[in-house]
Protein backbone atom coordinates (compact mmCIF):
# COMPACT_ATOMS: atom_id res chain seq x y z
CA UNK A 1 92.07 64.36 71.90
CA UNK A 2 95.66 63.77 72.94
CA UNK A 3 97.73 66.72 74.15
CA UNK A 4 101.44 66.18 73.40
CA UNK A 5 102.68 68.61 76.04
CA UNK A 6 101.20 70.87 78.72
CA UNK A 7 102.15 74.20 77.22
CA UNK A 8 101.66 77.57 78.84
CA UNK A 9 101.79 80.63 76.58
CA UNK A 10 103.22 83.72 78.27
CA UNK A 11 103.73 87.28 77.00
CA UNK A 12 106.97 87.40 79.04
CA UNK A 13 109.95 85.04 78.81
CA UNK A 14 109.51 82.41 81.53
CA UNK A 15 113.02 83.06 82.84
CA UNK A 16 111.88 86.55 83.88
CA UNK A 17 109.12 85.25 86.19
CA UNK A 18 110.15 84.00 89.61
CA UNK A 19 108.26 81.14 91.17
CA UNK A 20 106.84 79.40 88.09
CA UNK A 21 106.14 75.69 88.67
CA UNK A 22 108.17 73.14 86.72
CA UNK A 23 105.07 71.27 85.57
CA UNK A 24 104.73 72.99 82.20
CA UNK A 25 106.52 73.82 78.99
CA UNK A 26 106.56 77.59 78.72
CA UNK A 27 106.16 79.31 75.35
CA UNK A 28 106.78 83.02 74.89
CA UNK A 29 104.23 84.72 72.64
CA UNK A 30 103.36 88.41 72.70
CA UNK A 31 101.22 88.68 69.58
CA UNK A 32 103.80 88.02 66.85
CA UNK A 33 102.66 86.64 63.50
CA UNK A 34 104.27 83.25 64.10
CA UNK A 35 103.04 81.10 66.96
CA UNK A 36 105.75 79.76 69.31
CA UNK A 37 104.40 76.18 69.17
CA UNK A 38 101.30 74.22 68.23
CA UNK A 39 98.33 76.00 69.89
CA UNK A 40 96.64 72.61 70.28
CA UNK A 41 99.08 71.81 73.10
CA UNK A 42 98.32 74.95 75.13
CA UNK A 43 96.46 74.41 78.41
CA UNK A 44 96.94 77.88 79.92
CA UNK A 45 96.92 80.95 77.67
CA UNK A 46 98.05 84.33 78.99
CA UNK A 47 96.97 86.93 76.48
CA UNK A 48 99.37 89.54 75.09
CA UNK A 49 99.15 92.89 76.83
CA UNK A 50 97.60 95.90 75.09
CA UNK A 51 97.35 94.19 71.71
CA UNK A 52 94.28 94.45 69.48
CA UNK A 53 91.36 92.10 70.05
CA UNK A 54 92.08 90.46 66.67
CA UNK A 55 95.60 89.57 67.80
CA UNK A 56 94.48 88.45 71.25
CA UNK A 57 91.80 86.01 70.08
CA UNK A 58 93.68 84.67 67.04
CA UNK A 59 95.06 81.48 68.69
CA UNK A 60 91.87 80.53 70.52
CA UNK A 61 90.20 78.63 67.70
CA UNK A 62 93.26 76.35 67.56
CA UNK A 63 93.40 75.69 71.34
CA UNK A 64 91.09 72.72 71.99
CA UNK A 65 92.93 71.76 75.19
CA UNK A 66 93.07 75.18 76.83
CA UNK A 67 91.66 75.23 80.36
CA UNK A 68 92.41 78.80 81.45
CA UNK A 69 92.57 82.07 79.53
CA UNK A 70 94.26 84.72 81.65
CA UNK A 71 94.20 88.38 80.68
CA UNK A 72 96.62 90.96 82.01
CA UNK A 73 93.91 93.61 82.12
CA UNK A 74 91.12 94.24 84.59
CA UNK A 75 88.60 94.42 81.74
CA UNK A 76 87.95 91.40 79.54
CA UNK A 77 85.77 92.90 76.82
CA UNK A 78 88.60 92.58 74.26
CA UNK A 79 88.68 88.77 74.57
CA UNK A 80 84.97 87.97 74.77
CA UNK A 81 84.56 87.76 70.99
CA UNK A 82 86.84 84.73 70.82
CA UNK A 83 85.32 82.67 73.61
CA UNK A 84 82.72 81.09 71.33
CA UNK A 85 85.60 79.12 69.80
CA UNK A 86 86.30 77.35 73.10
CA UNK A 87 84.83 74.20 74.56
CA UNK A 88 82.66 74.39 77.69
CA UNK A 89 84.38 74.73 81.03
CA UNK A 90 87.24 77.05 80.09
CA UNK A 91 87.90 79.68 82.77
CA UNK A 92 88.46 83.31 81.82
CA UNK A 93 90.43 85.16 84.49
CA UNK A 94 91.24 88.85 84.68
CA UNK A 95 94.16 90.64 86.31
CA UNK A 96 92.27 92.03 89.28
CA UNK A 97 94.66 93.99 91.45
CA UNK A 98 97.49 94.25 88.94
CA UNK A 99 96.45 97.70 87.71
CA UNK A 100 94.76 98.96 90.83
CA UNK A 101 97.51 101.22 92.18
CA UNK A 102 98.58 102.57 88.80
CA UNK A 103 95.08 103.30 87.54
CA UNK A 104 94.01 104.90 90.81
CA UNK A 105 97.10 107.11 90.68
CA UNK A 106 96.16 108.29 87.21
CA UNK A 107 92.58 109.01 88.27
CA UNK A 108 93.92 111.29 90.98
CA UNK A 109 96.48 112.86 88.61
CA UNK A 110 93.85 113.60 85.97
CA UNK A 111 91.50 115.06 88.57
CA UNK A 112 94.12 117.33 90.11
CA UNK A 113 95.60 118.39 86.77
CA UNK A 114 92.20 119.33 85.40
CA UNK A 115 91.02 121.18 88.49
CA UNK A 116 94.26 123.12 88.91
CA UNK A 117 94.51 124.05 85.22
CA UNK A 118 97.79 122.25 84.58
CA UNK A 119 97.17 121.66 80.82
CA UNK A 120 96.74 125.40 80.27
CA UNK A 121 99.84 126.14 82.31
CA UNK A 122 101.89 123.72 80.20
CA UNK A 123 100.69 125.47 77.06
CA UNK A 124 101.52 128.77 78.73
CA UNK A 125 105.03 127.57 79.51
CA UNK A 126 105.53 126.68 75.83
CA UNK A 127 104.61 130.31 75.00
CA UNK A 128 106.46 131.81 78.01
CA UNK A 129 103.17 133.02 79.46
CA UNK A 130 102.65 133.52 83.21
CA UNK A 131 99.08 132.26 83.71
CA UNK A 132 98.38 133.40 87.24
CA UNK A 133 94.82 132.94 88.46
CA UNK A 134 92.54 131.26 90.96
CA UNK A 135 92.02 127.56 90.22
CA UNK A 136 89.78 124.88 91.67
CA UNK A 137 91.04 122.78 94.57
CA UNK A 138 90.07 119.19 95.20
CA UNK A 139 89.59 120.11 98.85
CA UNK A 140 85.90 120.49 99.75
CA UNK A 141 84.73 119.04 96.44
CA UNK A 142 82.02 116.40 96.24
CA UNK A 143 83.32 113.35 94.34
CA UNK A 144 81.19 110.58 92.88
CA UNK A 145 82.97 107.28 92.10
CA UNK A 146 81.02 105.08 89.68
CA UNK A 147 82.28 101.51 89.68
CA UNK A 148 83.26 100.71 93.26
CA UNK A 149 85.41 97.61 92.84
CA UNK A 150 89.10 97.31 93.67
CA UNK A 151 90.05 100.28 91.50
CA UNK A 152 87.21 102.46 92.71
CA UNK A 153 88.12 101.66 96.30
CA UNK A 154 91.79 102.48 95.59
CA UNK A 155 90.73 105.80 94.08
CA UNK A 156 88.93 106.62 97.31
CA UNK A 157 92.07 105.67 99.28
CA UNK A 158 93.96 108.35 97.37
CA UNK A 159 91.20 110.96 97.60
CA UNK A 160 90.84 110.81 101.38
CA UNK A 161 93.99 112.85 102.23
CA UNK A 162 92.81 115.66 99.94
CA UNK A 163 89.99 116.66 102.28
CA UNK A 164 87.13 116.19 99.84
CA UNK A 165 83.81 117.47 101.09
CA UNK A 166 82.04 114.20 100.30
CA UNK A 167 82.88 110.94 98.51
CA UNK A 168 79.91 108.98 97.18
CA UNK A 169 80.24 105.41 95.91
CA UNK A 170 78.19 103.71 93.19
CA UNK A 171 78.26 100.12 91.92
CA UNK A 172 75.93 97.78 90.06
CA UNK A 173 74.01 97.04 93.23
CA UNK A 174 73.82 98.66 96.65
CA UNK A 175 75.83 97.36 99.58
CA UNK A 176 77.59 98.51 102.74
CA UNK A 177 81.33 99.03 103.27
CA UNK A 178 83.36 100.10 106.32
CA UNK A 179 83.67 103.54 104.69
CA UNK A 180 79.97 103.93 104.09
CA UNK A 181 77.17 102.91 101.75
CA UNK A 182 77.60 101.99 98.10
CA UNK A 183 74.65 103.13 96.01
CA UNK A 184 73.16 101.28 93.07
CA UNK A 185 73.43 102.52 89.49
CA UNK A 186 69.71 103.19 89.63
CA UNK A 187 70.43 106.00 92.12
CA UNK A 188 72.54 108.01 89.67
CA UNK A 189 69.79 110.46 88.61
CA UNK A 190 69.62 111.72 92.21
CA UNK A 191 73.37 111.62 92.86
CA UNK A 192 74.78 113.28 89.75
CA UNK A 193 73.50 116.83 90.37
CA UNK A 194 75.43 117.05 93.64
CA UNK A 195 78.84 115.96 92.34
CA UNK A 196 81.67 118.34 91.46
CA UNK A 197 83.79 115.47 90.13
CA UNK A 198 82.49 112.22 88.62
CA UNK A 199 85.08 109.44 88.25
CA UNK A 200 84.21 106.44 86.08
CA UNK A 201 85.98 103.20 87.05
CA UNK A 202 83.31 100.74 85.96
CA UNK A 203 83.95 97.77 83.65
CA UNK A 204 82.44 97.84 80.17
CA UNK A 205 79.29 95.70 80.16
CA UNK A 206 75.92 95.82 78.46
CA UNK A 207 74.69 97.82 81.46
CA UNK A 208 77.51 100.40 81.34
CA UNK A 209 77.96 100.87 77.58
CA UNK A 210 76.86 104.45 76.92
CA UNK A 211 76.15 104.96 80.62
CA UNK A 212 77.43 108.54 80.48
CA UNK A 213 75.09 109.57 77.70
CA UNK A 214 73.10 112.72 77.09
CA UNK A 215 70.76 112.27 80.07
CA UNK A 216 73.58 111.38 82.48
CA UNK A 217 75.69 114.36 81.40
CA UNK A 218 72.73 116.75 81.51
CA UNK A 219 72.23 115.87 85.20
CA UNK A 220 75.80 116.83 86.07
CA UNK A 221 76.10 120.30 87.60
CA UNK A 222 77.49 123.22 85.62
CA UNK A 223 81.28 123.24 85.72
CA UNK A 224 81.56 119.63 86.92
CA UNK A 225 84.47 117.42 85.85
CA UNK A 226 84.02 113.96 84.29
CA UNK A 227 87.05 111.66 84.67
CA UNK A 228 86.99 108.43 82.65
CA UNK A 229 89.56 105.75 83.50
CA UNK A 230 87.12 102.93 82.67
CA UNK A 231 86.54 102.19 78.97
CA UNK A 232 85.86 104.65 76.17
CA UNK A 233 82.37 103.34 75.25
CA UNK A 234 81.13 103.93 78.81
CA UNK A 235 80.85 107.56 77.67
CA UNK A 236 78.84 108.67 74.64
CA UNK A 237 81.38 110.77 72.77
CA UNK A 238 78.89 112.83 70.79
CA UNK A 239 77.00 113.83 73.93
CA UNK A 240 80.22 114.64 75.78
CA UNK A 241 81.45 116.82 72.92
CA UNK A 242 78.24 118.83 73.04
CA UNK A 243 78.69 119.48 76.76
CA UNK A 244 82.38 120.42 76.70
CA UNK A 245 82.11 122.53 73.54
CA UNK A 246 79.35 124.53 75.21
CA UNK A 247 81.69 125.09 78.16
CA UNK A 248 79.26 123.57 80.64
CA UNK A 249 81.35 120.52 81.60
CA UNK A 250 85.03 119.60 81.77
CA UNK A 251 86.50 116.17 81.07
CA UNK A 252 89.69 114.21 81.72
CA UNK A 253 89.87 111.05 79.64
CA UNK A 254 92.36 108.20 79.73
CA UNK A 255 90.09 106.24 77.38
CA UNK A 256 88.08 107.38 74.40
CA UNK A 257 85.61 106.10 71.84
CA UNK A 258 86.99 105.64 69.23
CA UNK A 259 90.36 104.48 70.49
CA UNK A 260 93.08 105.27 69.63
CA UNK A 261 91.60 108.71 69.04
CA UNK A 262 92.31 109.50 65.37
CA UNK A 263 94.00 112.65 64.17
CA UNK A 264 91.49 115.37 63.43
CA UNK A 265 88.91 114.14 65.94
CA UNK A 266 87.18 117.12 67.63
CA UNK A 267 87.93 115.78 71.12
CA UNK A 268 91.60 116.60 70.64
CA UNK A 269 90.93 120.33 70.65
CA UNK A 270 87.69 120.54 72.62
CA UNK A 271 87.86 123.12 75.42
CA UNK A 272 88.52 121.94 78.96
CA UNK A 273 89.36 118.37 77.89
CA UNK A 274 92.51 116.58 79.06
CA UNK A 275 93.38 113.37 77.20
CA UNK A 276 95.92 110.69 78.08
CA UNK A 277 96.44 107.70 75.73
CA UNK A 278 95.01 104.81 77.80
CA UNK A 279 97.98 104.61 80.16
CA UNK A 280 96.11 103.93 83.40
CA UNK A 281 97.78 100.54 83.80
CA UNK A 282 100.90 101.27 81.78
CA UNK A 283 103.35 102.21 84.48
CA UNK A 284 106.37 100.69 86.14
CA UNK A 285 103.97 99.11 88.64
CA UNK A 286 102.48 96.82 85.97
CA UNK A 287 105.16 94.29 85.10
CA UNK A 288 106.23 93.13 88.58
CA UNK A 289 102.61 92.82 89.68
CA UNK A 290 101.65 90.95 86.50
CA UNK A 291 104.51 88.48 86.92
CA UNK A 292 103.62 87.82 90.55
CA UNK A 293 100.01 87.18 89.51
CA UNK A 294 101.08 84.68 86.85
CA UNK A 295 103.33 82.81 89.27
CA UNK A 296 100.46 82.54 91.77
CA UNK A 297 97.91 81.46 89.17
CA UNK A 298 100.14 78.83 87.59
CA UNK A 299 101.18 77.46 90.98
CA UNK A 300 97.51 76.99 91.83
CA UNK A 301 96.78 75.49 88.40
CA UNK A 302 99.68 73.03 88.69
CA UNK A 303 98.46 71.92 92.13
CA UNK A 304 94.91 71.41 90.88
CA UNK A 305 93.59 74.28 93.00
CA UNK A 306 91.02 76.74 91.62
CA UNK A 307 92.60 79.72 89.89
CA UNK A 308 91.66 83.17 91.16
CA UNK A 309 89.84 86.07 89.51
CA UNK A 310 87.56 83.92 87.34
CA UNK A 311 85.09 86.21 85.59
CA UNK A 312 83.28 83.56 83.57
CA UNK A 313 83.32 79.90 82.60
CA UNK A 314 82.46 78.98 79.00
CA UNK A 315 79.31 76.95 78.41
């Protein structure tokens, strides 16, 4: 196989990214119907941001020379279906760190808004109603963070000043951190009953799909708040609906299953549910961080150094 050029496909115009190496021909493609060049010449493919999986994987089958597939998301589940089209040895990299600050901010915003009754107050403002009352504070609450990677750690950074009673960390396997122990997923049955707020920041994997199902939710204490900034399918929607419609649990969801949430879905009007439209990473913090990541990755790639944030290598 002869590659005519060493093309890099970017979802941003190359002129907008400082520090790109001169070693490549840059092609701008953000999911449009027409490809910007022959996909067979692409050696480094940066996927379009927040496009459907069908759009994202469409060029892959025609990219025999690609060496790196770089997403601009922390999760990579939307691209996995297209990797079977690739030859062995292709690196899939995620955008670890790009969305950390923005997503952690939203986790805190959803938690505070739900506890302090902000959605009801906004509706009250629309009706010119003065909804005085006593609302929950984050102070003294017990918070359980499930998925203690870079985002989970950043969520804890933002929780600390709010004087939480306890912050408990959970990841796939147990480990120690300077802030304290990280528990394994297997410990959840004992940890859930003590949490006032449960924040999901875990990636979507076979182990976490449906993690917050009927048994998980049943172990949460009465009146507890579930915050999902992970992926919609981490939560079983039917089981969550049963809990919030009964009034036993509250939920704040940046992601849903299905997604986008269709008109008429019962989650829209379920009591004590706050929904945002998957905007955890969609803030002004995203683009400058994404561009800096791409400049670093392509500089390493041009120099023959290993790229960072590799989540798998095709076999």
